[in-house]
Amino acid sequence: MEALTDLKSILHSKRANIYYLEKCRLMQKDGRILYLTENQQEKQYWNIPIANTTVILLGTGTSVTQAAVRMLASAGVLIGFCGGGGTPLLMGNEIEWLTPQSEYRPTEYVQGWLSFWFDDQKRLSVARQFQQQRIAYIKQIWSSDKDLLQEGFDMSDETITQALNTFTNRIAQATKVNQLLLTEAELTKKLYKAAIVNTHITDFVRDYNGVDKANAFLNHGNYLAYGLGATTLWVLGIPHGFAVMHGKTRRGALVFDVADLIKDAIILPWAFICARENMPEQDYRQQVLQKFTQHKSLDFMFECVKKVAMQSNNL
């Protein structure tokens, strides 16, 4: 069996794999993690490289052995049960994260986070930073991604540039979290309009329960971003309830805050592009995951959260 130190040799922000499994059995065999699929003719085993894996999502028809959970925990792999397709889109389906337990996980980041969180003004300052980082990430991706540039998501577009600059100024002037939330919503509407123009999906109306592909892809992509946000916070040891924008009464609100860092830059444009191309959901999913990797989205989340946690004394 691999040594514990070997399993943890790759930082979570550098790991390449997120697995979604369904209709299979996850198990430990000969010091490896495998998933077993069965058909009428034969059983097939597939290996999972857990040292390079961040999250395993177990969908419909799955089971996992105690030995497998023990080994996944030793490698620091996050395990989640979820609905079909990897996203809990139906009411009543909620991912339940199973996190490895260790009394020796570092506490510096949660201590830094809590040192500012109970101060309203410091928490507002962090919320502003998150929104500024969000806009900076949009500018970075929309000025460098060749695929998006070909689709018209381009920082040389005066309308987009002006909108981002306007909202950057409004973020700096915000004196309450509610003002930031309003600014965030208005910016997203501006970006929706840009996406509609670029993809010619003129009948789009944002509806979280909508069955059209643009709305479905936005929901699906957002849940993927929530998974990265939850992973970031879990690795750093920061509880999901200590949000800076989305409300102190929502148990997972900080996940939403962290996910917002990347949603508009990647999820929004590709949801519209893939909807226009009438892509299957699995192809859209692969496209988004590829862009997460290409633009180091998980790295970016880690950098933003760590920076805030460790600068608490300077807020």
C-alpha atoms as a PDB file:
ATOM      1  CA  MET A   1       0.000   0.000   0.000  1.00  0.00           C
ATOM      2  CA  GLU A   2       1.213   3.513  -0.763  1.00  0.00           C
ATOM      3  CA  ALA A   3       2.678   5.414   2.148  1.00  0.00           C
ATOM      4  CA  LEU A   4       0.682   8.243   3.668  1.00  0.00           C
ATOM      5  CA  THR A   5       3.332  10.779   2.671  1.00  0.00           C
ATOM      6  CA  ASP A   6       3.182   9.593  -0.945  1.00  0.00           C
ATOM      7  CA  LEU A   7      -0.591  10.000  -1.073  1.00  0.00           C
ATOM      8  CA  LYS A   8      -0.378  13.623   0.080  1.00  0.00           C
ATOM      9  CA  SER A   9       2.523  14.624  -2.167  1.00  0.00           C
ATOM     10  CA  ILE A  10       0.329  16.623  -4.591  1.00  0.00           C
ATOM     11  CA  LEU A  11      -1.288  19.803  -3.285  1.00  0.00           C
ATOM     12  CA  HIS A  12      -5.072  19.868  -3.660  1.00  0.00           C
ATOM     13  CA  SER A  13      -4.882  23.008  -5.780  1.00  0.00           C
ATOM     14  CA  LYS A  14      -2.603  21.147  -8.210  1.00  0.00           C
ATOM     15  CA  ARG A  15      -4.569  17.905  -8.445  1.00  0.00           C
ATOM     16  CA  ALA A  16      -6.025  17.206 -11.870  1.00  0.00           C
ATOM     17  CA  ASN A  17      -8.967  14.874 -11.282  1.00  0.00           C
ATOM     18  CA  ILE A  18     -12.583  15.168 -10.194  1.00  0.00           C
ATOM     19  CA  TYR A  19     -14.553  11.930 -10.684  1.00  0.00           C
ATOM     20  CA  TYR A  20     -18.268  11.407 -11.049  1.00  0.00           C
ATOM     21  CA  LEU A  21     -19.311   7.744 -10.776  1.00  0.00           C
ATOM     22  CA  GLU A  22     -22.654   6.020 -11.136  1.00  0.00           C
ATOM     23  CA  LYS A  23     -23.905   2.412 -11.158  1.00  0.00           C
ATOM     24  CA  CYS A  24     -20.687   1.025  -9.729  1.00  0.00           C
ATOM     25  CA  ARG A  25     -18.985  -0.078  -6.522  1.00  0.00           C
ATOM     26  CA  LEU A  26     -16.002   1.836  -5.130  1.00  0.00           C
ATOM     27  CA  MET A  27     -13.519  -0.395  -3.294  1.00  0.00           C
ATOM     28  CA  GLN A  28      -9.948  -0.899  -2.135  1.00  0.00           C
ATOM     29  CA  LYS A  29      -8.028  -3.758  -3.740  1.00  0.00           C
ATOM     30  CA  ASP A  30      -4.318  -4.546  -3.452  1.00  0.00           C
ATOM     31  CA  GLY A  31      -3.492  -1.090  -2.111  1.00  0.00           C
ATOM     32  CA  ARG A  32      -5.380   0.731  -4.866  1.00  0.00           C
ATOM     33  CA  ILE A  33      -8.796   2.370  -5.175  1.00  0.00           C
ATOM     34  CA  LEU A  34     -10.926   0.825  -7.904  1.00  0.00           C
ATOM     35  CA  TYR A  35     -14.466   1.110  -9.094  1.00  0.00           C
ATOM     36  CA  LEU A  36     -16.250  -1.984 -10.320  1.00  0.00           C
ATOM     37  CA  THR A  37     -18.847  -1.987 -13.076  1.00  0.00           C
ATOM     38  CA  GLU A  38     -20.935  -5.003 -14.011  1.00  0.00           C
ATOM     39  CA  ASN A  39     -22.721  -6.036 -17.155  1.00  0.00           C
ATOM     40  CA  GLN A  40     -24.231  -9.301 -18.292  1.00  0.00           C
ATOM     41  CA  GLN A  41     -20.967 -10.644 -19.662  1.00  0.00           C
ATOM     42  CA  GLU A  42     -18.261  -9.530 -17.247  1.00  0.00           C
ATOM     43  CA  LYS A  43     -17.102  -7.366 -14.394  1.00  0.00           C
ATOM     44  CA  GLN A  44     -14.651  -4.564 -15.098  1.00  0.00           C
ATOM     45  CA  TYR A  45     -12.279  -2.808 -12.693  1.00  0.00           C
ATOM     46  CA  TRP A  46     -10.978   0.722 -13.248  1.00  0.00           C
ATOM     47  CA  ASN A  47      -8.210   2.332 -11.237  1.00  0.00           C
ATOM     48  CA  ILE A  48      -8.486   5.828  -9.676  1.00  0.00           C
ATOM     49  CA  PRO A  49      -5.196   7.720  -9.094  1.00  0.00           C
ATOM     50  CA  ILE A  50      -6.169   9.063  -5.686  1.00  0.00           C
ATOM     51  CA  ALA A  51      -2.966  11.030  -5.070  1.00  0.00           C
ATOM     52  CA  ASN A  52      -3.947  13.219  -8.025  1.00  0.00           C
ATOM     53  CA  THR A  53      -7.677  13.380  -7.216  1.00  0.00           C
ATOM     54  CA  THR A  54      -9.507  16.144  -5.380  1.00  0.00           C
ATOM     55  CA  VAL A  55     -13.134  14.985  -5.318  1.00  0.00           C
ATOM     56  CA  ILE A  56     -15.089  11.805  -6.007  1.00  0.00           C
ATOM     57  CA  LEU A  57     -18.832  12.281  -6.530  1.00  0.00           C
ATOM     58  CA  LEU A  58     -20.977   9.159  -6.101  1.00  0.00           C
ATOM     59  CA  GLY A  59     -24.169   9.347  -8.127  1.00  0.00           C
ATOM     60  CA  THR A  60     -27.091   6.984  -8.575  1.00  0.00           C
ATOM     61  CA  GLY A  61     -26.585   3.279  -8.027  1.00  0.00           C
ATOM     62  CA  THR A  62     -23.234   3.538  -6.226  1.00  0.00           C
ATOM     63  CA  SER A  63     -21.774   2.031  -3.077  1.00  0.00           C
ATOM     64  CA  VAL A  64     -18.443   2.389  -1.307  1.00  0.00           C
ATOM     65  CA  THR A  65     -16.589   0.090   1.073  1.00  0.00           C
ATOM     66  CA  GLN A  66     -15.232   1.076   4.477  1.00  0.00           C
ATOM     67  CA  ALA A  67     -11.695   0.152   3.368  1.00  0.00           C
ATOM     68  CA  ALA A  68     -11.986   2.445   0.355  1.00  0.00           C
ATOM     69  CA  VAL A  69     -13.174   5.359   2.507  1.00  0.00           C
ATOM     70  CA  ARG A  70     -10.253   4.820   4.891  1.00  0.00           C
ATOM     71  CA  MET A  71      -7.733   4.940   2.036  1.00  0.00           C
ATOM     72  CA  LEU A  72      -9.400   7.930   0.370  1.00  0.00           C
ATOM     73  CA  ALA A  73      -9.323   9.768   3.697  1.00  0.00           C
ATOM     74  CA  SER A  74      -5.599   9.079   4.064  1.00  0.00           C
ATOM     75  CA  ALA A  75      -5.063  10.626   0.617  1.00  0.00           C
ATOM     76  CA  GLY A  76      -7.207  13.662   1.495  1.00  0.00           C
ATOM     77  CA  VAL A  77      -9.837  12.957  -1.179  1.00  0.00           C
ATOM     78  CA  LEU A  78     -13.241  14.576  -0.653  1.00  0.00           C
ATOM     79  CA  ILE A  79     -16.201  12.195  -1.133  1.00  0.00           C
ATOM     80  CA  GLY A  80     -19.718  13.318  -1.989  1.00  0.00           C
ATOM     81  CA  PHE A  81     -23.047  11.598  -2.633  1.00  0.00           C
ATOM     82  CA  CYS A  82     -25.052  13.432  -5.250  1.00  0.00           C
ATOM     83  CA  GLY A  83     -27.918  13.262  -7.681  1.00  0.00           C
ATOM     84  CA  GLY A  84     -27.763  12.042 -11.256  1.00  0.00           C
ATOM     85  CA  GLY A  85     -25.276  13.763 -13.534  1.00  0.00           C
ATOM     86  CA  GLY A  86     -23.213  14.918 -10.563  1.00  0.00           C
ATOM     87  CA  THR A  87     -25.368  17.943  -9.814  1.00  0.00           C
ATOM     88  CA  PRO A  88     -28.256  18.080  -7.315  1.00  0.00           C
ATOM     89  CA  LEU A  89     -30.665  19.822  -9.683  1.00  0.00           C
ATOM     90  CA  LEU A  90     -33.820  18.194  -8.262  1.00  0.00           C
ATOM     91  CA  MET A  91     -35.410  19.341  -5.014  1.00  0.00           C
ATOM     92  CA  GLY A  92     -34.358  17.146  -2.113  1.00  0.00           C
ATOM     93  CA  ASN A  93     -31.031  16.151  -3.618  1.00  0.00           C
ATOM     94  CA  GLU A  94     -28.206  17.724  -1.663  1.00  0.00           C
ATOM     95  CA  ILE A  95     -24.547  16.744  -1.804  1.00  0.00           C
ATOM     96  CA  GLU A  96     -23.422  15.407   1.564  1.00  0.00           C
ATOM     97  CA  TRP A  97     -19.658  15.820   1.821  1.00  0.00           C
ATOM     98  CA  LEU A  98     -17.678  13.176   3.659  1.00  0.00           C
ATOM     99  CA  THR A  99     -14.465  14.810   4.788  1.00  0.00           C
ATOM    100  CA  PRO A 100     -11.386  12.986   6.089  1.00  0.00           C
ATOM    101  CA  GLN A 101     -10.811  13.532   9.782  1.00  0.00           C
ATOM    102  CA  SER A 102      -7.473  14.378  11.369  1.00  0.00           C
ATOM    103  CA  GLU A 103      -6.619  16.053  14.650  1.00  0.00           C
ATOM    104  CA  TYR A 104      -3.415  17.431  13.095  1.00  0.00           C
ATOM    105  CA  ARG A 105      -4.791  19.521  10.240  1.00  0.00           C
ATOM    106  CA  PRO A 106      -3.402  23.097  10.339  1.00  0.00           C
ATOM    107  CA  THR A 107      -5.631  25.806  11.807  1.00  0.00           C
ATOM    108  CA  GLU A 108      -3.868  28.992  10.675  1.00  0.00           C
ATOM    109  CA  TYR A 109      -6.395  29.825   7.958  1.00  0.00           C
ATOM    110  CA  VAL A 110      -9.531  29.391  10.051  1.00  0.00           C
ATOM    111  CA  GLN A 111      -7.914  31.412  12.848  1.00  0.00           C
ATOM    112  CA  GLY A 112      -7.069  34.188  10.396  1.00  0.00           C
ATOM    113  CA  TRP A 113     -10.585  34.092   8.967  1.00  0.00           C
ATOM    114  CA  LEU A 114     -12.301  34.277  12.335  1.00  0.00           C
ATOM    115  CA  SER A 115     -10.028  37.117  13.471  1.00  0.00           C
ATOM    116  CA  PHE A 116     -11.845  39.482  11.079  1.00  0.00           C
ATOM    117  CA  TRP A 117     -15.212  37.802  10.548  1.00  0.00           C
ATOM    118  CA  PHE A 118     -16.975  39.197  13.628  1.00  0.00           C
ATOM    119  CA  ASP A 119     -16.104  42.779  12.639  1.00  0.00           C
ATOM    120  CA  ASP A 120     -18.711  44.129  10.199  1.00  0.00           C
ATOM    121  CA  GLN A 121     -16.359  46.603   8.502  1.00  0.00           C
ATOM    122  CA  LYS A 122     -13.571  44.087   8.065  1.00  0.00           C
ATOM    123  CA  ARG A 123     -16.012  41.559   6.662  1.00  0.00           C
ATOM    124  CA  LEU A 124     -17.252  44.205   4.205  1.00  0.00           C
ATOM    125  CA  SER A 125     -13.654  44.904   3.207  1.00  0.00           C
ATOM    126  CA  VAL A 126     -13.140  41.225   2.402  1.00  0.00           C
ATOM    127  CA  ALA A 127     -16.396  41.121   0.437  1.00  0.00           C
ATOM    128  CA  ARG A 128     -15.121  44.055  -1.642  1.00  0.00           C
ATOM    129  CA  GLN A 129     -11.843  42.226  -2.275  1.00  0.00           C
ATOM    130  CA  PHE A 130     -13.694  39.126  -3.459  1.00  0.00           C
ATOM    131  CA  GLN A 131     -15.730  41.176  -5.950  1.00  0.00           C
ATOM    132  CA  GLN A 132     -12.622  42.962  -7.192  1.00  0.00           C
ATOM    133  CA  GLN A 133     -10.878  39.615  -7.657  1.00  0.00           C
ATOM    134  CA  ARG A 134     -13.937  38.345  -9.511  1.00  0.00           C
ATOM    135  CA  ILE A 135     -13.732  41.202 -12.019  1.00  0.00           C
ATOM    136  CA  ALA A 136      -9.958  40.826 -12.334  1.00  0.00           C
ATOM    137  CA  TYR A 137     -10.443  37.146 -13.204  1.00  0.00           C
ATOM    138  CA  ILE A 138     -13.018  38.003 -15.876  1.00  0.00           C
ATOM    139  CA  LYS A 139     -10.593  40.505 -17.418  1.00  0.00           C
ATOM    140  CA  GLN A 140      -7.783  37.954 -17.318  1.00  0.00           C
ATOM    141  CA  ILE A 141      -9.770  35.132 -18.949  1.00  0.00           C
ATOM    142  CA  TRP A 142     -11.657  37.235 -21.478  1.00  0.00           C
ATOM    143  CA  SER A 143      -8.432  38.817 -22.719  1.00  0.00           C
ATOM    144  CA  SER A 144      -6.431  35.580 -23.066  1.00  0.00           C
ATOM    145  CA  ASP A 145      -8.741  32.651 -23.877  1.00  0.00           C
ATOM    146  CA  LYS A 146      -8.581  32.208 -27.654  1.00  0.00           C
ATOM    147  CA  ASP A 147     -11.834  30.258 -27.774  1.00  0.00           C
ATOM    148  CA  LEU A 148     -13.748  32.972 -25.942  1.00  0.00           C
ATOM    149  CA  LEU A 149     -12.139  35.720 -28.011  1.00  0.00           C
ATOM    150  CA  GLN A 150     -13.429  34.033 -31.170  1.00  0.00           C
ATOM    151  CA  GLU A 151     -16.911  33.992 -29.639  1.00  0.00           C
ATOM    152  CA  GLY A 152     -16.871  37.720 -28.891  1.00  0.00           C
ATOM    153  CA  PHE A 153     -16.102  37.555 -25.161  1.00  0.00           C
ATOM    154  CA  ASP A 154     -13.306  40.043 -25.564  1.00  0.00           C
ATOM    155  CA  MET A 155     -11.959  42.779 -23.323  1.00  0.00           C
ATOM    156  CA  SER A 156     -11.465  44.936 -26.410  1.00  0.00           C
ATOM    157  CA  ASP A 157     -15.277  45.179 -26.550  1.00  0.00           C
ATOM    158  CA  GLU A 158     -15.953  48.665 -25.226  1.00  0.00           C
ATOM    159  CA  THR A 159     -19.346  47.702 -23.772  1.00  0.00           C
ATOM    160  CA  ILE A 160     -17.865  44.916 -21.656  1.00  0.00           C
ATOM    161  CA  THR A 161     -14.862  46.975 -20.566  1.00  0.00           C
ATOM    162  CA  GLN A 162     -17.011  49.940 -19.594  1.00  0.00           C
ATOM    163  CA  ALA A 163     -19.385  47.731 -17.586  1.00  0.00           C
ATOM    164  CA  LEU A 164     -16.540  46.111 -15.652  1.00  0.00           C
ATOM    165  CA  ASN A 165     -14.866  49.459 -14.941  1.00  0.00           C
ATOM    166  CA  THR A 166     -18.149  50.989 -13.801  1.00  0.00           C
ATOM    167  CA  PHE A 167     -18.859  48.179 -11.376  1.00  0.00           C
ATOM    168  CA  THR A 168     -15.258  48.197 -10.120  1.00  0.00           C
ATOM    169  CA  ASN A 169     -15.812  51.800  -9.005  1.00  0.00           C
ATOM    170  CA  ARG A 170     -19.174  50.943  -7.438  1.00  0.00           C
ATOM    171  CA  ILE A 171     -17.607  48.078  -5.492  1.00  0.00           C
ATOM    172  CA  ALA A 172     -14.981  50.414  -4.039  1.00  0.00           C
ATOM    173  CA  GLN A 173     -17.705  52.877  -2.949  1.00  0.00           C
ATOM    174  CA  ALA A 174     -20.061  50.306  -1.395  1.00  0.00           C
ATOM    175  CA  THR A 175     -20.673  50.875   2.316  1.00  0.00           C
ATOM    176  CA  LYS A 176     -22.970  47.878   2.917  1.00  0.00           C
ATOM    177  CA  VAL A 177     -23.008  44.247   1.837  1.00  0.00           C
ATOM    178  CA  ASN A 178     -26.482  44.747   0.335  1.00  0.00           C
ATOM    179  CA  GLN A 179     -24.998  47.334  -2.010  1.00  0.00           C
ATOM    180  CA  LEU A 180     -22.389  44.812  -3.106  1.00  0.00           C
ATOM    181  CA  LEU A 181     -25.041  42.173  -3.716  1.00  0.00           C
ATOM    182  CA  LEU A 182     -27.034  44.631  -5.842  1.00  0.00           C
ATOM    183  CA  THR A 183     -23.907  45.579  -7.781  1.00  0.00           C
ATOM    184  CA  GLU A 184     -23.084  41.905  -8.306  1.00  0.00           C
ATOM    185  CA  ALA A 185     -26.575  41.183  -9.658  1.00  0.00           C
ATOM    186  CA  GLU A 186     -26.510  44.149 -12.027  1.00  0.00           C
ATOM    187  CA  LEU A 187     -23.071  43.215 -13.362  1.00  0.00           C
ATOM    188  CA  THR A 188     -24.201  39.657 -14.045  1.00  0.00           C
ATOM    189  CA  LYS A 189     -27.211  41.010 -15.969  1.00  0.00           C
ATOM    190  CA  LYS A 190     -24.843  43.107 -18.103  1.00  0.00           C
ATOM    191  CA  LEU A 191     -22.757  40.012 -18.812  1.00  0.00           C
ATOM    192  CA  TYR A 192     -25.904  38.045 -19.707  1.00  0.00           C
ATOM    193  CA  LYS A 193     -26.726  40.743 -22.255  1.00  0.00           C
ATOM    194  CA  ALA A 194     -23.232  40.471 -23.739  1.00  0.00           C
ATOM    195  CA  ALA A 195     -23.628  36.679 -23.941  1.00  0.00           C
ATOM    196  CA  ILE A 196     -27.026  37.042 -25.644  1.00  0.00           C
ATOM    197  CA  VAL A 197     -25.525  39.366 -28.252  1.00  0.00           C
ATOM    198  CA  ASN A 198     -22.548  37.075 -28.880  1.00  0.00           C
ATOM    199  CA  THR A 199     -24.534  33.834 -29.134  1.00  0.00           C
ATOM    200  CA  HIS A 200     -27.836  35.185 -30.558  1.00  0.00           C
ATOM    201  CA  ILE A 201     -29.933  33.405 -27.910  1.00  0.00           C
ATOM    202  CA  THR A 202     -32.378  36.277 -27.873  1.00  0.00           C
ATOM    203  CA  ASP A 203     -35.178  34.572 -25.944  1.00  0.00           C
ATOM    204  CA  PHE A 204     -33.075  33.976 -22.819  1.00  0.00           C
ATOM    205  CA  VAL A 205     -34.522  34.867 -19.412  1.00  0.00           C
ATOM    206  CA  ARG A 206     -32.662  33.705 -16.321  1.00  0.00           C
ATOM    207  CA  ASP A 207     -34.825  31.101 -14.615  1.00  0.00           C
ATOM    208  CA  TYR A 208     -33.281  28.729 -12.077  1.00  0.00           C
ATOM    209  CA  ASN A 209     -36.060  26.242 -12.810  1.00  0.00           C
ATOM    210  CA  GLY A 210     -35.879  26.740 -16.558  1.00  0.00           C
ATOM    211  CA  VAL A 211     -35.617  23.685 -18.813  1.00  0.00           C
ATOM    212  CA  ASP A 212     -33.924  25.419 -21.752  1.00  0.00           C
ATOM    213  CA  LYS A 213     -30.272  24.538 -22.265  1.00  0.00           C
ATOM    214  CA  ALA A 214     -28.801  27.935 -21.350  1.00  0.00           C
ATOM    215  CA  ASN A 215     -30.475  27.930 -17.923  1.00  0.00           C
ATOM    216  CA  ALA A 216     -29.748  24.228 -17.366  1.00  0.00           C
ATOM    217  CA  PHE A 217     -26.084  24.696 -18.280  1.00  0.00           C
ATOM    218  CA  LEU A 218     -25.782  27.734 -16.009  1.00  0.00           C
ATOM    219  CA  ASN A 219     -27.178  25.688 -13.108  1.00  0.00           C
ATOM    220  CA  HIS A 220     -24.949  22.708 -13.896  1.00  0.00           C
ATOM    221  CA  GLY A 221     -21.831  24.862 -14.219  1.00  0.00           C
ATOM    222  CA  ASN A 222     -22.599  26.713 -11.005  1.00  0.00           C
ATOM    223  CA  TYR A 223     -22.749  23.428  -9.100  1.00  0.00           C
ATOM    224  CA  LEU A 224     -19.352  22.487 -10.520  1.00  0.00           C
ATOM    225  CA  ALA A 225     -18.013  25.812  -9.245  1.00  0.00           C
ATOM    226  CA  TYR A 226     -19.616  25.139  -5.848  1.00  0.00           C
ATOM    227  CA  GLY A 227     -17.702  21.862  -5.735  1.00  0.00           C
ATOM    228  CA  LEU A 228     -14.407  23.697  -6.269  1.00  0.00           C
ATOM    229  CA  GLY A 229     -15.375  26.283  -3.655  1.00  0.00           C
ATOM    230  CA  ALA A 230     -16.271  23.600  -1.110  1.00  0.00           C
ATOM    231  CA  THR A 231     -13.000  21.776  -1.805  1.00  0.00           C
ATOM    232  CA  THR A 232     -10.974  24.960  -1.318  1.00  0.00           C
ATOM    233  CA  LEU A 233     -12.587  25.734   2.032  1.00  0.00           C
ATOM    234  CA  TRP A 234     -12.378  22.147   3.233  1.00  0.00           C
ATOM    235  CA  VAL A 235      -8.636  21.902   2.478  1.00  0.00           C
ATOM    236  CA  LEU A 236      -7.975  25.204   4.270  1.00  0.00           C
ATOM    237  CA  GLY A 237     -10.186  24.185   7.190  1.00  0.00           C
ATOM    238  CA  ILE A 238     -12.600  27.132   6.991  1.00  0.00           C
ATOM    239  CA  PRO A 239     -16.256  26.292   7.828  1.00  0.00           C
ATOM    240  CA  HIS A 240     -18.749  27.079   5.087  1.00  0.00           C
ATOM    241  CA  GLY A 241     -20.992  29.149   7.338  1.00  0.00           C
ATOM    242  CA  PHE A 242     -18.600  32.100   7.745  1.00  0.00           C
ATOM    243  CA  ALA A 243     -19.673  33.981   4.621  1.00  0.00           C
ATOM    244  CA  VAL A 244     -18.766  37.552   3.762  1.00  0.00           C
ATOM    245  CA  MET A 245     -21.590  38.300   1.311  1.00  0.00           C
ATOM    246  CA  HIS A 246     -24.317  35.701   1.054  1.00  0.00           C
ATOM    247  CA  GLY A 247     -25.676  35.957   4.567  1.00  0.00           C
ATOM    248  CA  LYS A 248     -24.702  34.746   8.025  1.00  0.00           C
ATOM    249  CA  THR A 249     -27.755  32.483   8.331  1.00  0.00           C
ATOM    250  CA  ARG A 250     -27.005  30.174   5.387  1.00  0.00           C
ATOM    251  CA  ARG A 251     -24.939  27.121   6.264  1.00  0.00           C
ATOM    252  CA  GLY A 252     -23.095  26.918   2.953  1.00  0.00           C
ATOM    253  CA  ALA A 253     -22.973  30.611   2.125  1.00  0.00           C
ATOM    254  CA  LEU A 254     -19.175  30.924   2.007  1.00  0.00           C
ATOM    255  CA  VAL A 255     -19.121  28.269  -0.729  1.00  0.00           C
ATOM    256  CA  PHE A 256     -21.252  30.619  -2.836  1.00  0.00           C
ATOM    257  CA  ASP A 257     -18.907  33.526  -2.117  1.00  0.00           C
ATOM    258  CA  VAL A 258     -15.855  31.565  -3.231  1.00  0.00           C
ATOM    259  CA  ALA A 259     -17.569  30.056  -6.278  1.00  0.00           C
ATOM    260  CA  ASP A 260     -18.540  33.550  -7.439  1.00  0.00           C
ATOM    261  CA  LEU A 261     -14.848  34.264  -8.001  1.00  0.00           C
ATOM    262  CA  ILE A 262     -14.911  32.200 -11.212  1.00  0.00           C
ATOM    263  CA  LYS A 263     -18.549  31.787 -12.275  1.00  0.00           C
ATOM    264  CA  ASP A 264     -18.911  34.829 -14.540  1.00  0.00           C
ATOM    265  CA  ALA A 265     -15.514  34.351 -16.168  1.00  0.00           C
ATOM    266  CA  ILE A 266     -16.000  30.702 -17.197  1.00  0.00           C
ATOM    267  CA  ILE A 267     -19.461  29.282 -16.453  1.00  0.00           C
ATOM    268  CA  LEU A 268     -21.490  32.137 -17.924  1.00  0.00           C
ATOM    269  CA  PRO A 269     -19.959  32.353 -21.427  1.00  0.00           C
ATOM    270  CA  TRP A 270     -19.636  28.598 -21.943  1.00  0.00           C
ATOM    271  CA  ALA A 271     -23.206  27.950 -20.836  1.00  0.00           C
ATOM    272  CA  PHE A 272     -24.425  30.201 -23.650  1.00  0.00           C
ATOM    273  CA  ILE A 273     -21.936  28.970 -26.244  1.00  0.00           C
ATOM    274  CA  CYS A 274     -22.679  25.301 -25.561  1.00  0.00           C
ATOM    275  CA  ALA A 275     -26.436  25.969 -25.489  1.00  0.00           C
ATOM    276  CA  ARG A 276     -26.230  27.611 -28.909  1.00  0.00           C
ATOM    277  CA  GLU A 277     -24.342  24.558 -30.222  1.00  0.00           C
ATOM    278  CA  ASN A 278     -27.002  22.288 -28.668  1.00  0.00           C
ATOM    279  CA  MET A 279     -24.295  20.265 -26.923  1.00  0.00           C
ATOM    280  CA  PRO A 280     -25.130  17.224 -24.794  1.00  0.00           C
ATOM    281  CA  GLU A 281     -24.852  17.938 -21.090  1.00  0.00           C
ATOM    282  CA  GLN A 282     -21.825  15.666 -20.690  1.00  0.00           C
ATOM    283  CA  ASP A 283     -19.927  17.539 -23.431  1.00  0.00           C
ATOM    284  CA  TYR A 284     -20.711  20.852 -21.767  1.00  0.00           C
ATOM    285  CA  ARG A 285     -19.492  19.446 -18.467  1.00  0.00           C
ATOM    286  CA  GLN A 286     -16.199  18.322 -20.004  1.00  0.00           C
ATOM    287  CA  GLN A 287     -15.741  21.721 -21.644  1.00  0.00           C
ATOM    288  CA  VAL A 288     -16.162  23.529 -18.334  1.00  0.00           C
ATOM    289  CA  LEU A 289     -13.852  21.165 -16.452  1.00  0.00           C
ATOM    290  CA  GLN A 290     -11.237  21.591 -19.164  1.00  0.00           C
ATOM    291  CA  LYS A 291     -11.439  25.376 -18.805  1.00  0.00           C
ATOM    292  CA  PHE A 292     -11.170  25.086 -15.003  1.00  0.00           C
ATOM    293  CA  THR A 293      -7.906  23.238 -15.529  1.00  0.00           C
ATOM    294  CA  GLN A 294      -6.638  25.503 -18.314  1.00  0.00           C
ATOM    295  CA  HIS A 295      -7.202  28.674 -16.312  1.00  0.00           C
ATOM    296  CA  LYS A 296      -6.190  27.184 -12.940  1.00  0.00           C
ATOM    297  CA  SER A 297      -9.515  28.061 -11.344  1.00  0.00           C
ATOM    298  CA  LEU A 298      -8.898  26.009  -8.211  1.00  0.00           C
ATOM    299  CA  ASP A 299      -5.474  27.635  -7.788  1.00  0.00           C
ATOM    300  CA  PHE A 300      -7.110  31.042  -8.104  1.00  0.00           C
ATOM    301  CA  MET A 301      -9.665  30.224  -5.406  1.00  0.00           C
ATOM    302  CA  PHE A 302      -6.947  29.021  -3.056  1.00  0.00           C
ATOM    303  CA  GLU A 303      -4.872  32.155  -3.630  1.00  0.00           C
ATOM    304  CA  CYS A 304      -7.798  34.495  -2.962  1.00  0.00           C
ATOM    305  CA  VAL A 305      -8.981  32.748   0.210  1.00  0.00           C
ATOM    306  CA  LYS A 306      -5.470  32.268   1.636  1.00  0.00           C
ATOM    307  CA  LYS A 307      -4.583  35.902   0.963  1.00  0.00           C
ATOM    308  CA  VAL A 308      -7.641  37.137   2.831  1.00  0.00           C
ATOM    309  CA  ALA A 309      -7.143  34.762   5.755  1.00  0.00           C
ATOM    310  CA  MET A 310      -3.484  35.666   6.232  1.00  0.00           C
ATOM    311  CA  GLN A 311      -3.882  39.440   5.842  1.00  0.00           C
ATOM    312  CA  SER A 312      -6.553  39.748   8.514  1.00  0.00           C
ATOM    313  CA  ASN A 313      -4.402  41.957  10.732  1.00  0.00           C
ATOM    314  CA  ASN A 314      -4.071  44.497   7.907  1.00  0.00           C
ATOM    315  CA  LEU A 315      -7.778  44.874   7.130  1.00  0.00           C
END
